[in-house]
N, C-alpha and C. Protein backbone atom coordinates (compact mmCIF):
# COMPACT_ATOMS: atom_id res chain seq x y z
N MET A 1 24.33 -16.67 1.95
CA MET A 1 25.37 -17.69 1.85
C MET A 1 25.68 -17.97 0.38
N GLN A 2 26.96 -18.15 0.11
CA GLN A 2 27.39 -18.42 -1.26
C GLN A 2 27.44 -19.93 -1.51
N ILE A 3 27.18 -20.30 -2.76
CA ILE A 3 27.30 -21.68 -3.21
C ILE A 3 28.23 -21.70 -4.42
N GLY A 4 29.17 -22.62 -4.42
CA GLY A 4 30.03 -22.78 -5.59
C GLY A 4 29.41 -23.76 -6.57
N ALA A 5 29.54 -23.48 -7.84
CA ALA A 5 28.97 -24.34 -8.89
C ALA A 5 30.08 -24.78 -9.85
N LEU A 6 30.07 -26.06 -10.18
CA LEU A 6 31.06 -26.62 -11.09
C LEU A 6 30.36 -27.40 -12.19
N GLY A 7 30.92 -27.34 -13.38
CA GLY A 7 30.43 -28.15 -14.48
C GLY A 7 31.06 -29.53 -14.45
N ASP A 8 31.20 -30.15 -15.61
CA ASP A 8 31.83 -31.46 -15.70
C ASP A 8 33.29 -31.36 -15.25
N ILE A 9 33.70 -32.28 -14.38
CA ILE A 9 35.06 -32.23 -13.84
C ILE A 9 36.01 -33.10 -14.67
N HIS A 10 35.57 -34.27 -15.07
CA HIS A 10 36.35 -35.16 -15.93
C HIS A 10 37.78 -35.35 -15.43
N GLY A 11 37.93 -35.57 -14.14
CA GLY A 11 39.24 -35.90 -13.59
C GLY A 11 40.17 -34.73 -13.37
N ALA A 12 39.73 -33.49 -13.58
CA ALA A 12 40.59 -32.31 -13.37
C ALA A 12 40.59 -31.96 -11.88
N PHE A 13 41.06 -32.89 -11.07
CA PHE A 13 40.94 -32.78 -9.62
C PHE A 13 41.83 -31.66 -9.05
N ASP A 14 43.03 -31.55 -9.55
CA ASP A 14 43.93 -30.51 -9.04
C ASP A 14 43.37 -29.11 -9.30
N ILE A 15 42.77 -28.93 -10.47
CA ILE A 15 42.19 -27.62 -10.81
C ILE A 15 41.02 -27.31 -9.89
N VAL A 16 40.18 -28.32 -9.63
CA VAL A 16 39.03 -28.11 -8.75
C VAL A 16 39.50 -27.72 -7.35
N ASN A 17 40.47 -28.43 -6.83
CA ASN A 17 40.97 -28.11 -5.49
C ASN A 17 41.63 -26.74 -5.45
N GLU A 18 42.27 -26.36 -6.54
CA GLU A 18 42.87 -25.02 -6.60
C GLU A 18 41.79 -23.94 -6.56
N ILE A 19 40.70 -24.15 -7.32
CA ILE A 19 39.59 -23.19 -7.31
C ILE A 19 38.98 -23.10 -5.92
N MET A 20 38.76 -24.25 -5.31
CA MET A 20 38.18 -24.26 -3.96
C MET A 20 39.08 -23.56 -2.95
N SER A 21 40.37 -23.76 -3.09
CA SER A 21 41.32 -23.14 -2.16
C SER A 21 41.34 -21.62 -2.32
N ARG A 22 41.08 -21.12 -3.53
CA ARG A 22 41.05 -19.69 -3.76
C ARG A 22 39.77 -19.05 -3.23
N HIS A 23 38.76 -19.89 -2.98
CA HIS A 23 37.47 -19.37 -2.53
C HIS A 23 37.05 -20.09 -1.25
N ARG A 24 37.84 -19.91 -0.23
CA ARG A 24 37.56 -20.56 1.05
C ARG A 24 36.27 -20.04 1.69
N GLU A 25 35.81 -18.88 1.23
CA GLU A 25 34.58 -18.35 1.80
C GLU A 25 33.34 -19.13 1.36
N VAL A 26 33.49 -19.97 0.33
CA VAL A 26 32.38 -20.80 -0.14
C VAL A 26 32.36 -22.08 0.68
N PRO A 27 31.28 -22.33 1.44
CA PRO A 27 31.27 -23.47 2.36
C PRO A 27 31.04 -24.82 1.69
N PHE A 28 30.39 -24.83 0.53
CA PHE A 28 30.19 -26.09 -0.18
C PHE A 28 29.94 -25.80 -1.66
N TRP A 29 30.11 -26.86 -2.46
CA TRP A 29 30.03 -26.72 -3.91
C TRP A 29 29.06 -27.76 -4.47
N LEU A 30 28.51 -27.46 -5.65
CA LEU A 30 27.65 -28.39 -6.38
C LEU A 30 28.28 -28.66 -7.75
N SER A 31 28.19 -29.90 -8.20
CA SER A 31 28.69 -30.26 -9.53
C SER A 31 27.61 -30.99 -10.30
N VAL A 32 27.58 -30.75 -11.61
CA VAL A 32 26.55 -31.36 -12.45
C VAL A 32 26.93 -32.78 -12.90
N GLY A 33 28.02 -33.33 -12.36
CA GLY A 33 28.37 -34.71 -12.67
C GLY A 33 29.59 -34.83 -13.56
N ASP A 34 29.78 -36.07 -14.09
CA ASP A 34 30.99 -36.39 -14.85
C ASP A 34 32.22 -36.03 -14.02
N VAL A 35 32.24 -36.52 -12.79
CA VAL A 35 33.34 -36.24 -11.88
C VAL A 35 34.54 -37.13 -12.20
N ALA A 36 34.31 -38.38 -12.52
CA ALA A 36 35.38 -39.37 -12.64
C ALA A 36 36.37 -39.02 -13.75
N SER A 37 37.60 -39.48 -13.54
CA SER A 37 38.59 -39.38 -14.61
C SER A 37 38.32 -40.47 -15.64
N ASN A 38 39.08 -40.48 -16.71
CA ASN A 38 38.87 -41.48 -17.75
C ASN A 38 39.19 -42.89 -17.29
N THR A 39 39.92 -43.01 -16.18
CA THR A 39 40.24 -44.33 -15.62
C THR A 39 39.34 -44.67 -14.43
N GLY A 40 38.28 -43.86 -14.22
CA GLY A 40 37.32 -44.18 -13.17
C GLY A 40 37.75 -43.78 -11.78
N GLU A 41 38.68 -42.86 -11.66
CA GLU A 41 39.16 -42.43 -10.34
C GLU A 41 38.38 -41.23 -9.83
N TYR A 42 38.31 -41.12 -8.51
CA TYR A 42 37.66 -39.98 -7.86
C TYR A 42 38.68 -39.32 -6.92
N PHE A 43 38.27 -38.28 -6.21
CA PHE A 43 39.23 -37.53 -5.41
C PHE A 43 38.58 -37.06 -4.12
N THR A 44 39.40 -36.42 -3.26
CA THR A 44 38.92 -35.85 -2.02
C THR A 44 38.96 -34.33 -2.13
N PRO A 45 37.82 -33.68 -2.35
CA PRO A 45 37.81 -32.22 -2.47
C PRO A 45 38.21 -31.57 -1.15
N VAL A 46 38.85 -30.41 -1.23
CA VAL A 46 39.25 -29.70 -0.02
C VAL A 46 38.05 -29.05 0.67
N THR A 47 36.96 -28.87 -0.07
CA THR A 47 35.70 -28.33 0.46
C THR A 47 34.60 -29.31 0.06
N PRO A 48 33.59 -29.53 0.90
CA PRO A 48 32.54 -30.47 0.54
C PRO A 48 31.93 -30.19 -0.84
N LEU A 49 31.84 -31.24 -1.62
CA LEU A 49 31.31 -31.15 -2.97
C LEU A 49 30.15 -32.13 -3.12
N TYR A 50 28.98 -31.60 -3.44
CA TYR A 50 27.81 -32.42 -3.71
C TYR A 50 27.68 -32.58 -5.22
N TRP A 51 27.42 -33.80 -5.67
CA TRP A 51 27.40 -34.05 -7.11
C TRP A 51 26.30 -35.01 -7.50
N ILE A 52 25.84 -34.87 -8.75
CA ILE A 52 24.89 -35.79 -9.34
C ILE A 52 25.62 -36.59 -10.41
N LYS A 53 25.05 -37.70 -10.79
CA LYS A 53 25.74 -38.56 -11.76
C LYS A 53 25.67 -37.97 -13.16
N GLY A 54 26.76 -38.16 -13.89
CA GLY A 54 26.78 -37.88 -15.31
C GLY A 54 26.86 -39.21 -16.05
N ASN A 55 27.25 -39.17 -17.31
CA ASN A 55 27.41 -40.42 -18.06
C ASN A 55 28.86 -40.87 -18.10
N ASN A 56 29.76 -40.10 -17.46
CA ASN A 56 31.17 -40.48 -17.42
C ASN A 56 31.53 -40.74 -15.96
N GLU A 57 30.96 -41.82 -15.42
CA GLU A 57 31.17 -42.15 -14.02
C GLU A 57 31.53 -43.63 -13.91
N ASP A 58 32.07 -44.00 -12.76
CA ASP A 58 32.19 -45.41 -12.39
C ASP A 58 30.92 -45.74 -11.62
N PHE A 59 30.00 -46.45 -12.25
CA PHE A 59 28.70 -46.68 -11.65
C PHE A 59 28.75 -47.64 -10.48
N ASP A 60 29.84 -48.40 -10.34
CA ASP A 60 30.02 -49.19 -9.12
C ASP A 60 30.28 -48.27 -7.94
N VAL A 61 31.03 -47.20 -8.17
CA VAL A 61 31.29 -46.21 -7.12
C VAL A 61 29.99 -45.53 -6.73
N ILE A 62 29.15 -45.21 -7.72
CA ILE A 62 27.86 -44.59 -7.43
C ILE A 62 26.99 -45.52 -6.60
N ALA A 63 26.97 -46.81 -6.97
CA ALA A 63 26.18 -47.78 -6.21
C ALA A 63 26.66 -47.84 -4.76
N ASP A 64 27.99 -47.79 -4.55
CA ASP A 64 28.52 -47.77 -3.18
C ASP A 64 28.09 -46.51 -2.45
N ALA A 65 28.10 -45.37 -3.15
CA ALA A 65 27.70 -44.11 -2.52
C ALA A 65 26.23 -44.15 -2.10
N VAL A 66 25.38 -44.73 -2.93
CA VAL A 66 23.97 -44.85 -2.58
C VAL A 66 23.80 -45.72 -1.34
N ALA A 67 24.68 -46.72 -1.21
CA ALA A 67 24.63 -47.63 -0.06
C ALA A 67 25.28 -47.03 1.19
N GLY A 68 25.71 -45.76 1.11
CA GLY A 68 26.28 -45.10 2.28
C GLY A 68 27.79 -45.15 2.35
N ARG A 69 28.44 -45.51 1.24
CA ARG A 69 29.91 -45.57 1.21
C ARG A 69 30.43 -44.60 0.15
N PRO A 70 30.50 -43.31 0.46
CA PRO A 70 30.96 -42.33 -0.53
C PRO A 70 32.42 -42.55 -0.88
N PRO A 71 32.84 -42.15 -2.07
CA PRO A 71 34.25 -42.34 -2.46
C PRO A 71 35.22 -41.53 -1.64
N ALA A 72 34.75 -40.46 -0.99
CA ALA A 72 35.58 -39.63 -0.10
C ALA A 72 34.65 -38.91 0.86
N PRO A 73 35.15 -38.57 2.06
CA PRO A 73 34.27 -37.91 3.04
C PRO A 73 33.68 -36.59 2.58
N THR A 74 34.40 -35.89 1.70
CA THR A 74 33.92 -34.58 1.23
C THR A 74 33.35 -34.63 -0.18
N LEU A 75 33.18 -35.84 -0.71
CA LEU A 75 32.60 -36.01 -2.05
C LEU A 75 31.26 -36.72 -1.88
N LEU A 76 30.18 -35.93 -1.89
CA LEU A 76 28.88 -36.40 -1.43
C LEU A 76 27.91 -36.52 -2.61
N TYR A 77 27.50 -37.75 -2.90
CA TYR A 77 26.65 -38.02 -4.05
C TYR A 77 25.18 -37.77 -3.72
N LEU A 78 24.47 -37.14 -4.66
CA LEU A 78 23.03 -36.91 -4.54
C LEU A 78 22.31 -37.77 -5.56
N PRO A 79 21.62 -38.83 -5.13
CA PRO A 79 20.87 -39.65 -6.09
C PRO A 79 19.67 -38.90 -6.63
N ASN A 80 19.16 -39.36 -7.74
CA ASN A 80 18.00 -38.70 -8.35
C ASN A 80 16.83 -38.66 -7.36
N GLY A 81 16.23 -37.50 -7.25
CA GLY A 81 15.11 -37.35 -6.33
C GLY A 81 15.36 -36.22 -5.35
N GLY A 82 14.89 -36.39 -4.15
CA GLY A 82 15.05 -35.37 -3.13
C GLY A 82 13.70 -34.98 -2.57
N PRO A 83 13.64 -33.86 -1.89
CA PRO A 83 14.74 -32.89 -1.71
C PRO A 83 15.77 -33.35 -0.69
N PHE A 84 17.00 -32.82 -0.84
CA PHE A 84 18.10 -33.10 0.05
C PHE A 84 18.51 -31.81 0.76
N LYS A 85 19.00 -31.94 1.96
CA LYS A 85 19.45 -30.78 2.73
C LYS A 85 20.93 -30.55 2.40
N VAL A 86 21.24 -29.45 1.78
CA VAL A 86 22.61 -29.06 1.46
C VAL A 86 22.85 -27.71 2.12
N GLY A 87 23.52 -27.72 3.27
CA GLY A 87 23.63 -26.49 4.04
C GLY A 87 22.22 -26.04 4.44
N PRO A 88 21.90 -24.75 4.25
CA PRO A 88 20.56 -24.27 4.56
C PRO A 88 19.57 -24.47 3.41
N TRP A 89 20.05 -25.07 2.32
CA TRP A 89 19.24 -25.18 1.11
C TRP A 89 18.59 -26.57 1.02
N ARG A 90 17.46 -26.63 0.34
CA ARG A 90 16.81 -27.88 -0.02
C ARG A 90 16.91 -28.01 -1.55
N VAL A 91 17.55 -29.08 -2.00
CA VAL A 91 17.79 -29.23 -3.44
C VAL A 91 17.23 -30.57 -3.91
N ALA A 92 16.85 -30.60 -5.17
CA ALA A 92 16.46 -31.85 -5.83
C ALA A 92 17.55 -32.23 -6.82
N ALA A 93 17.71 -33.52 -7.06
CA ALA A 93 18.78 -34.01 -7.94
C ALA A 93 18.17 -34.72 -9.14
N LEU A 94 18.70 -34.41 -10.30
CA LEU A 94 18.28 -35.07 -11.54
C LEU A 94 19.52 -35.22 -12.41
N GLY A 95 20.18 -36.32 -12.27
CA GLY A 95 21.44 -36.53 -12.98
C GLY A 95 21.36 -37.70 -13.94
N GLY A 96 22.12 -37.61 -15.01
CA GLY A 96 22.22 -38.72 -15.95
C GLY A 96 20.88 -39.11 -16.54
N THR A 97 20.03 -38.12 -16.86
CA THR A 97 18.69 -38.41 -17.33
C THR A 97 18.70 -39.33 -18.55
N TYR A 98 19.65 -39.08 -19.46
CA TYR A 98 19.71 -39.88 -20.67
C TYR A 98 20.89 -40.84 -20.68
N ALA A 99 21.51 -41.02 -19.52
CA ALA A 99 22.68 -41.89 -19.45
C ALA A 99 22.24 -43.34 -19.26
N PRO A 100 22.99 -44.29 -19.79
CA PRO A 100 22.65 -45.70 -19.55
C PRO A 100 22.89 -46.05 -18.09
N THR A 101 21.97 -46.78 -17.50
CA THR A 101 22.15 -47.17 -16.10
C THR A 101 22.96 -48.47 -16.06
N TRP A 102 24.25 -48.34 -16.31
CA TRP A 102 25.11 -49.52 -16.42
C TRP A 102 25.17 -50.31 -15.12
N TYR A 103 25.00 -49.64 -13.98
CA TYR A 103 25.13 -50.38 -12.74
C TYR A 103 23.94 -51.27 -12.48
N HIS A 104 22.86 -51.18 -13.30
CA HIS A 104 21.76 -52.13 -13.21
C HIS A 104 21.94 -53.28 -14.20
N THR A 105 22.97 -53.22 -15.03
CA THR A 105 23.20 -54.23 -16.04
C THR A 105 24.23 -55.23 -15.54
N PRO A 106 23.91 -56.53 -15.48
CA PRO A 106 24.87 -57.49 -14.99
C PRO A 106 26.08 -57.59 -15.91
N ALA A 107 27.21 -57.97 -15.35
CA ALA A 107 28.41 -58.15 -16.15
C ALA A 107 28.18 -59.27 -17.16
N LEU A 108 28.81 -59.10 -18.33
CA LEU A 108 28.70 -60.11 -19.37
C LEU A 108 29.19 -61.44 -18.81
N ALA A 109 28.36 -62.47 -18.85
CA ALA A 109 28.72 -63.76 -18.29
C ALA A 109 27.89 -64.83 -18.98
N LEU A 110 28.40 -66.06 -18.94
CA LEU A 110 27.69 -67.21 -19.45
C LEU A 110 27.45 -68.17 -18.29
N PRO A 111 26.36 -68.92 -18.33
CA PRO A 111 26.12 -69.89 -17.25
C PRO A 111 27.20 -70.94 -17.20
N ALA A 112 27.42 -71.51 -16.02
CA ALA A 112 28.48 -72.51 -15.86
C ALA A 112 28.25 -73.71 -16.77
N SER A 113 27.00 -74.00 -17.07
CA SER A 113 26.69 -75.16 -17.92
C SER A 113 27.15 -74.97 -19.35
N SER A 114 27.47 -73.73 -19.75
CA SER A 114 27.88 -73.49 -21.13
C SER A 114 29.19 -74.19 -21.46
N SER A 115 30.06 -74.39 -20.47
CA SER A 115 31.31 -75.12 -20.72
C SER A 115 31.02 -76.56 -21.10
N ALA A 116 30.08 -77.18 -20.38
CA ALA A 116 29.70 -78.55 -20.71
C ALA A 116 29.04 -78.63 -22.07
N LEU A 117 28.22 -77.62 -22.39
CA LEU A 117 27.57 -77.58 -23.70
C LEU A 117 28.59 -77.48 -24.82
N LEU A 118 29.66 -76.69 -24.57
CA LEU A 118 30.71 -76.57 -25.58
C LEU A 118 31.39 -77.92 -25.80
N ALA A 119 31.69 -78.62 -24.71
CA ALA A 119 32.34 -79.93 -24.83
C ALA A 119 31.45 -80.90 -25.61
N LEU A 120 30.14 -80.89 -25.34
CA LEU A 120 29.22 -81.76 -26.06
C LEU A 120 29.14 -81.39 -27.53
N ALA A 121 29.13 -80.08 -27.80
CA ALA A 121 29.05 -79.62 -29.18
C ALA A 121 30.30 -80.00 -29.97
N VAL A 122 31.47 -79.87 -29.34
CA VAL A 122 32.71 -80.25 -30.01
C VAL A 122 32.71 -81.75 -30.30
N ALA A 123 32.27 -82.55 -29.32
CA ALA A 123 32.19 -83.99 -29.54
C ALA A 123 31.19 -84.31 -30.64
N GLY A 124 30.05 -83.60 -30.64
CA GLY A 124 29.03 -83.86 -31.65
C GLY A 124 29.46 -83.46 -33.05
N SER A 125 30.43 -82.56 -33.13
CA SER A 125 30.88 -82.13 -34.46
C SER A 125 31.55 -83.26 -35.24
N PHE A 126 31.94 -84.33 -34.54
CA PHE A 126 32.56 -85.49 -35.22
C PHE A 126 31.52 -86.48 -35.73
N LEU A 127 30.25 -86.20 -35.46
CA LEU A 127 29.20 -87.06 -35.97
C LEU A 127 29.06 -86.87 -37.47
N PRO A 128 28.57 -87.88 -38.16
CA PRO A 128 28.43 -87.76 -39.63
C PRO A 128 27.22 -86.92 -40.03
N ASP A 129 27.29 -86.42 -41.24
CA ASP A 129 26.15 -85.77 -41.90
C ASP A 129 25.67 -84.52 -41.16
N LEU A 130 24.35 -84.31 -41.15
CA LEU A 130 23.76 -83.07 -40.66
C LEU A 130 24.01 -82.85 -39.17
N ALA A 131 24.00 -83.93 -38.40
CA ALA A 131 24.21 -83.81 -36.95
C ALA A 131 25.57 -83.20 -36.65
N GLY A 132 26.59 -83.61 -37.40
CA GLY A 132 27.92 -83.07 -37.20
C GLY A 132 28.00 -81.60 -37.61
N ILE A 133 27.31 -81.24 -38.68
CA ILE A 133 27.32 -79.85 -39.14
C ILE A 133 26.66 -78.94 -38.12
N ILE A 134 25.50 -79.37 -37.61
CA ILE A 134 24.79 -78.56 -36.62
C ILE A 134 25.61 -78.43 -35.34
N SER A 135 26.18 -79.53 -34.88
CA SER A 135 27.00 -79.49 -33.66
C SER A 135 28.22 -78.60 -33.84
N GLY A 136 28.85 -78.68 -35.02
CA GLY A 136 30.02 -77.85 -35.28
C GLY A 136 29.67 -76.37 -35.31
N SER A 137 28.53 -76.06 -35.90
CA SER A 137 28.11 -74.66 -35.93
C SER A 137 27.82 -74.14 -34.52
N PHE A 138 27.19 -74.98 -33.71
CA PHE A 138 26.89 -74.58 -32.34
C PHE A 138 28.18 -74.41 -31.54
N ALA A 139 29.14 -75.29 -31.75
CA ALA A 139 30.42 -75.19 -31.05
C ALA A 139 31.15 -73.91 -31.46
N ALA A 140 31.11 -73.56 -32.73
CA ALA A 140 31.77 -72.33 -33.20
C ALA A 140 31.11 -71.10 -32.59
N SER A 141 29.79 -71.12 -32.47
CA SER A 141 29.08 -69.99 -31.87
C SER A 141 29.46 -69.83 -30.40
N LEU A 142 29.51 -70.94 -29.68
CA LEU A 142 29.90 -70.87 -28.27
C LEU A 142 31.34 -70.40 -28.11
N LEU A 143 32.21 -70.86 -29.01
CA LEU A 143 33.61 -70.40 -28.93
C LEU A 143 33.70 -68.90 -29.13
N MET A 144 32.91 -68.35 -30.04
CA MET A 144 32.92 -66.90 -30.24
C MET A 144 32.41 -66.18 -29.00
N ALA A 145 31.39 -66.75 -28.35
CA ALA A 145 30.88 -66.14 -27.11
C ALA A 145 31.95 -66.16 -26.03
N PHE A 146 32.67 -67.26 -25.92
CA PHE A 146 33.75 -67.33 -24.94
C PHE A 146 34.90 -66.38 -25.31
N ALA A 147 35.10 -66.17 -26.61
CA ALA A 147 36.13 -65.22 -27.03
C ALA A 147 35.77 -63.81 -26.57
N ILE A 148 34.49 -63.44 -26.70
CA ILE A 148 34.05 -62.12 -26.23
C ILE A 148 34.30 -61.99 -24.73
N LEU A 149 34.00 -63.06 -23.99
CA LEU A 149 34.30 -63.05 -22.55
C LEU A 149 35.79 -62.88 -22.30
N GLY A 150 36.59 -63.58 -23.11
CA GLY A 150 38.03 -63.49 -22.94
C GLY A 150 38.55 -62.07 -23.16
N PHE A 151 38.01 -61.38 -24.16
CA PHE A 151 38.40 -59.99 -24.38
C PHE A 151 37.97 -59.12 -23.20
N ALA A 152 36.80 -59.41 -22.62
CA ALA A 152 36.37 -58.67 -21.43
C ALA A 152 37.34 -58.87 -20.27
N VAL A 153 37.86 -60.09 -20.14
CA VAL A 153 38.86 -60.36 -19.10
C VAL A 153 40.13 -59.55 -19.35
N LEU A 154 40.55 -59.50 -20.61
CA LEU A 154 41.75 -58.72 -20.94
C LEU A 154 41.56 -57.24 -20.59
N HIS A 155 40.38 -56.72 -20.86
CA HIS A 155 40.10 -55.33 -20.52
C HIS A 155 40.15 -55.13 -19.00
N ALA A 156 39.64 -56.10 -18.25
CA ALA A 156 39.66 -55.99 -16.78
C ALA A 156 41.07 -56.10 -16.23
N VAL A 157 41.85 -57.02 -16.79
CA VAL A 157 43.21 -57.25 -16.29
C VAL A 157 44.10 -56.04 -16.55
N THR A 158 43.94 -55.42 -17.71
CA THR A 158 44.83 -54.33 -18.10
C THR A 158 44.36 -52.96 -17.62
N ARG A 159 43.21 -52.89 -16.95
CA ARG A 159 42.70 -51.59 -16.50
C ARG A 159 43.70 -50.93 -15.55
N GLY A 160 44.02 -49.68 -15.83
CA GLY A 160 44.97 -48.94 -15.01
C GLY A 160 46.41 -49.06 -15.47
N MET A 161 46.72 -49.96 -16.40
CA MET A 161 48.09 -50.12 -16.90
C MET A 161 48.39 -49.03 -17.93
N THR A 162 49.57 -48.46 -17.82
CA THR A 162 49.95 -47.43 -18.80
C THR A 162 50.10 -48.02 -20.20
N SER A 163 50.44 -49.29 -20.26
CA SER A 163 50.63 -49.94 -21.56
C SER A 163 49.35 -50.56 -22.10
N ARG A 164 48.23 -50.30 -21.44
CA ARG A 164 46.97 -50.95 -21.82
C ARG A 164 46.62 -50.76 -23.30
N PRO A 165 46.68 -49.53 -23.85
CA PRO A 165 46.31 -49.38 -25.27
C PRO A 165 47.14 -50.24 -26.20
N PHE A 166 48.44 -50.37 -25.89
CA PHE A 166 49.33 -51.14 -26.76
C PHE A 166 49.06 -52.64 -26.62
N VAL A 167 48.81 -53.10 -25.38
CA VAL A 167 48.53 -54.52 -25.16
C VAL A 167 47.24 -54.92 -25.87
N LEU A 168 46.19 -54.13 -25.67
CA LEU A 168 44.91 -54.46 -26.29
C LEU A 168 44.99 -54.37 -27.82
N ALA A 169 45.69 -53.35 -28.31
CA ALA A 169 45.82 -53.22 -29.77
C ALA A 169 46.56 -54.41 -30.36
N ALA A 170 47.59 -54.87 -29.66
CA ALA A 170 48.36 -56.02 -30.15
C ALA A 170 47.51 -57.28 -30.18
N VAL A 171 46.72 -57.49 -29.14
CA VAL A 171 45.88 -58.69 -29.07
C VAL A 171 44.81 -58.65 -30.16
N TYR A 172 44.15 -57.51 -30.30
CA TYR A 172 43.11 -57.40 -31.33
C TYR A 172 43.70 -57.56 -32.73
N ALA A 173 44.87 -56.97 -32.96
CA ALA A 173 45.50 -57.09 -34.28
C ALA A 173 45.89 -58.53 -34.57
N ALA A 174 46.44 -59.21 -33.55
CA ALA A 174 46.82 -60.62 -33.75
C ALA A 174 45.60 -61.48 -34.03
N ALA A 175 44.51 -61.22 -33.32
CA ALA A 175 43.29 -62.00 -33.54
C ALA A 175 42.74 -61.77 -34.94
N ALA A 176 42.83 -60.53 -35.41
CA ALA A 176 42.27 -60.21 -36.73
C ALA A 176 43.16 -60.71 -37.86
N LEU A 177 44.49 -60.63 -37.69
CA LEU A 177 45.40 -60.94 -38.78
C LEU A 177 45.82 -62.41 -38.82
N ILE A 178 45.96 -63.00 -37.63
CA ILE A 178 46.45 -64.38 -37.58
C ILE A 178 45.30 -65.36 -37.39
N GLY A 179 44.42 -65.02 -36.48
CA GLY A 179 43.24 -65.87 -36.29
C GLY A 179 43.31 -66.77 -35.08
N TRP A 180 44.39 -67.56 -34.96
CA TRP A 180 44.44 -68.54 -33.87
C TRP A 180 44.46 -67.93 -32.47
N PRO A 181 44.96 -66.67 -32.27
CA PRO A 181 44.86 -66.10 -30.92
C PRO A 181 43.44 -66.02 -30.37
N VAL A 182 42.44 -66.04 -31.27
CA VAL A 182 41.05 -66.04 -30.81
C VAL A 182 40.78 -67.28 -29.95
N LEU A 183 41.42 -68.41 -30.33
CA LEU A 183 41.24 -69.63 -29.55
C LEU A 183 41.79 -69.46 -28.13
N ALA A 184 42.96 -68.81 -28.03
CA ALA A 184 43.54 -68.57 -26.71
C ALA A 184 42.65 -67.65 -25.88
N VAL A 185 42.09 -66.64 -26.53
CA VAL A 185 41.19 -65.73 -25.83
C VAL A 185 39.92 -66.46 -25.39
N SER A 186 39.45 -67.41 -26.23
CA SER A 186 38.28 -68.21 -25.86
C SER A 186 38.57 -69.05 -24.62
N ILE A 187 39.77 -69.59 -24.53
CA ILE A 187 40.15 -70.36 -23.34
C ILE A 187 40.14 -69.46 -22.11
N LEU A 188 40.58 -68.22 -22.28
CA LEU A 188 40.53 -67.26 -21.18
C LEU A 188 39.08 -67.01 -20.76
N GLY A 189 38.17 -66.94 -21.74
CA GLY A 189 36.75 -66.80 -21.42
C GLY A 189 36.20 -68.01 -20.69
N LEU A 190 36.64 -69.20 -21.07
CA LEU A 190 36.25 -70.42 -20.36
C LEU A 190 36.72 -70.38 -18.91
N ALA A 191 37.94 -69.91 -18.72
CA ALA A 191 38.49 -69.82 -17.36
C ALA A 191 37.70 -68.82 -16.52
N ASP A 192 37.26 -67.71 -17.16
CA ASP A 192 36.48 -66.71 -16.42
C ASP A 192 35.13 -67.28 -16.00
N THR A 193 34.52 -68.09 -16.87
CA THR A 193 33.24 -68.72 -16.52
C THR A 193 33.40 -69.66 -15.34
N ALA A 194 34.54 -70.37 -15.29
CA ALA A 194 34.76 -71.34 -14.22
C ALA A 194 35.24 -70.70 -12.93
N PHE A 195 36.08 -69.66 -13.02
CA PHE A 195 36.75 -69.13 -11.83
C PHE A 195 36.45 -67.67 -11.53
N ASP A 196 35.58 -67.03 -12.31
CA ASP A 196 35.19 -65.63 -12.08
C ASP A 196 36.43 -64.73 -11.95
N ILE A 197 37.26 -64.75 -12.97
CA ILE A 197 38.50 -63.99 -12.94
C ILE A 197 38.24 -62.50 -12.75
N ARG A 198 37.25 -61.96 -13.49
CA ARG A 198 36.98 -60.52 -13.39
C ARG A 198 36.49 -60.13 -12.01
N GLY A 199 35.66 -60.99 -11.41
CA GLY A 199 35.19 -60.71 -10.05
C GLY A 199 36.32 -60.72 -9.04
N ARG A 200 37.24 -61.66 -9.20
CA ARG A 200 38.39 -61.74 -8.29
C ARG A 200 39.28 -60.51 -8.43
N ILE A 201 39.45 -60.05 -9.68
CA ILE A 201 40.27 -58.86 -9.90
C ILE A 201 39.62 -57.65 -9.24
N ALA A 202 38.31 -57.49 -9.41
CA ALA A 202 37.60 -56.35 -8.83
C ALA A 202 37.70 -56.37 -7.30
N ASN A 203 37.55 -57.54 -6.70
CA ASN A 203 37.63 -57.64 -5.24
C ASN A 203 39.04 -57.34 -4.73
N LYS A 204 40.02 -57.77 -5.50
CA LYS A 204 41.41 -57.55 -5.09
C LYS A 204 41.81 -56.09 -5.19
N ARG A 205 41.33 -55.40 -6.22
CA ARG A 205 41.70 -54.00 -6.41
C ARG A 205 41.00 -53.08 -5.43
N GLY A 206 39.78 -53.45 -5.03
CA GLY A 206 39.05 -52.60 -4.11
C GLY A 206 38.57 -51.35 -4.79
N PRO A 207 38.22 -50.31 -3.99
CA PRO A 207 37.68 -49.07 -4.55
C PRO A 207 38.75 -48.32 -5.32
N PRO A 208 38.35 -47.39 -6.21
CA PRO A 208 39.31 -46.61 -6.99
C PRO A 208 40.23 -45.80 -6.09
N ARG A 209 41.46 -45.60 -6.56
CA ARG A 209 42.43 -44.81 -5.82
C ARG A 209 41.99 -43.36 -5.79
N LEU A 210 42.07 -42.74 -4.62
CA LEU A 210 41.63 -41.36 -4.46
C LEU A 210 42.79 -40.39 -4.60
N HIS A 211 42.55 -39.27 -5.22
CA HIS A 211 43.51 -38.19 -5.29
C HIS A 211 43.31 -37.28 -4.08
N THR A 212 44.34 -37.00 -3.37
CA THR A 212 44.23 -36.12 -2.19
C THR A 212 45.08 -34.90 -2.37
């Protein structure tokens, strides 16, 4: 029996399907990972494709695949370990050995109490002498943390937009050159802490769009 072997796919889905279509005698294929496109999309291979994780993956998709929800019926993920039955073969999987396990890392977030702490710190900054200086410094630090959250929200909101590079570049340039847009981004971070904007966006979008 023949086995097809593929290297890093990196979103070249049409090419992979073309290769598979030219070799219909191959009943299944193996890939060494890096299947996802640069926007985190996956596809439906015309022939069953077994793959291990690379470092260029959507690790939320991998977590779903481990839980029994593959991104496509013919795109079959092999978690590290084994052996696994692939046709008549028994194979072991070792993928992403040196890749960061991002899906074990929680999303950047601040506790809900941080908003109240910011309000107290801002109020304390009006105190005289050393107390006001310390409170002001703490308030500035929290504002910067919320600004980082706000930029994370912008990245989540613009994901998949064709104009994303220009939007993000404009926001970063305005923040660096003008300064005050950082305050607006910090407010966006405050809103994310209160209303979980990024989580709502992820739930609304659902799984990545599949190429067929």
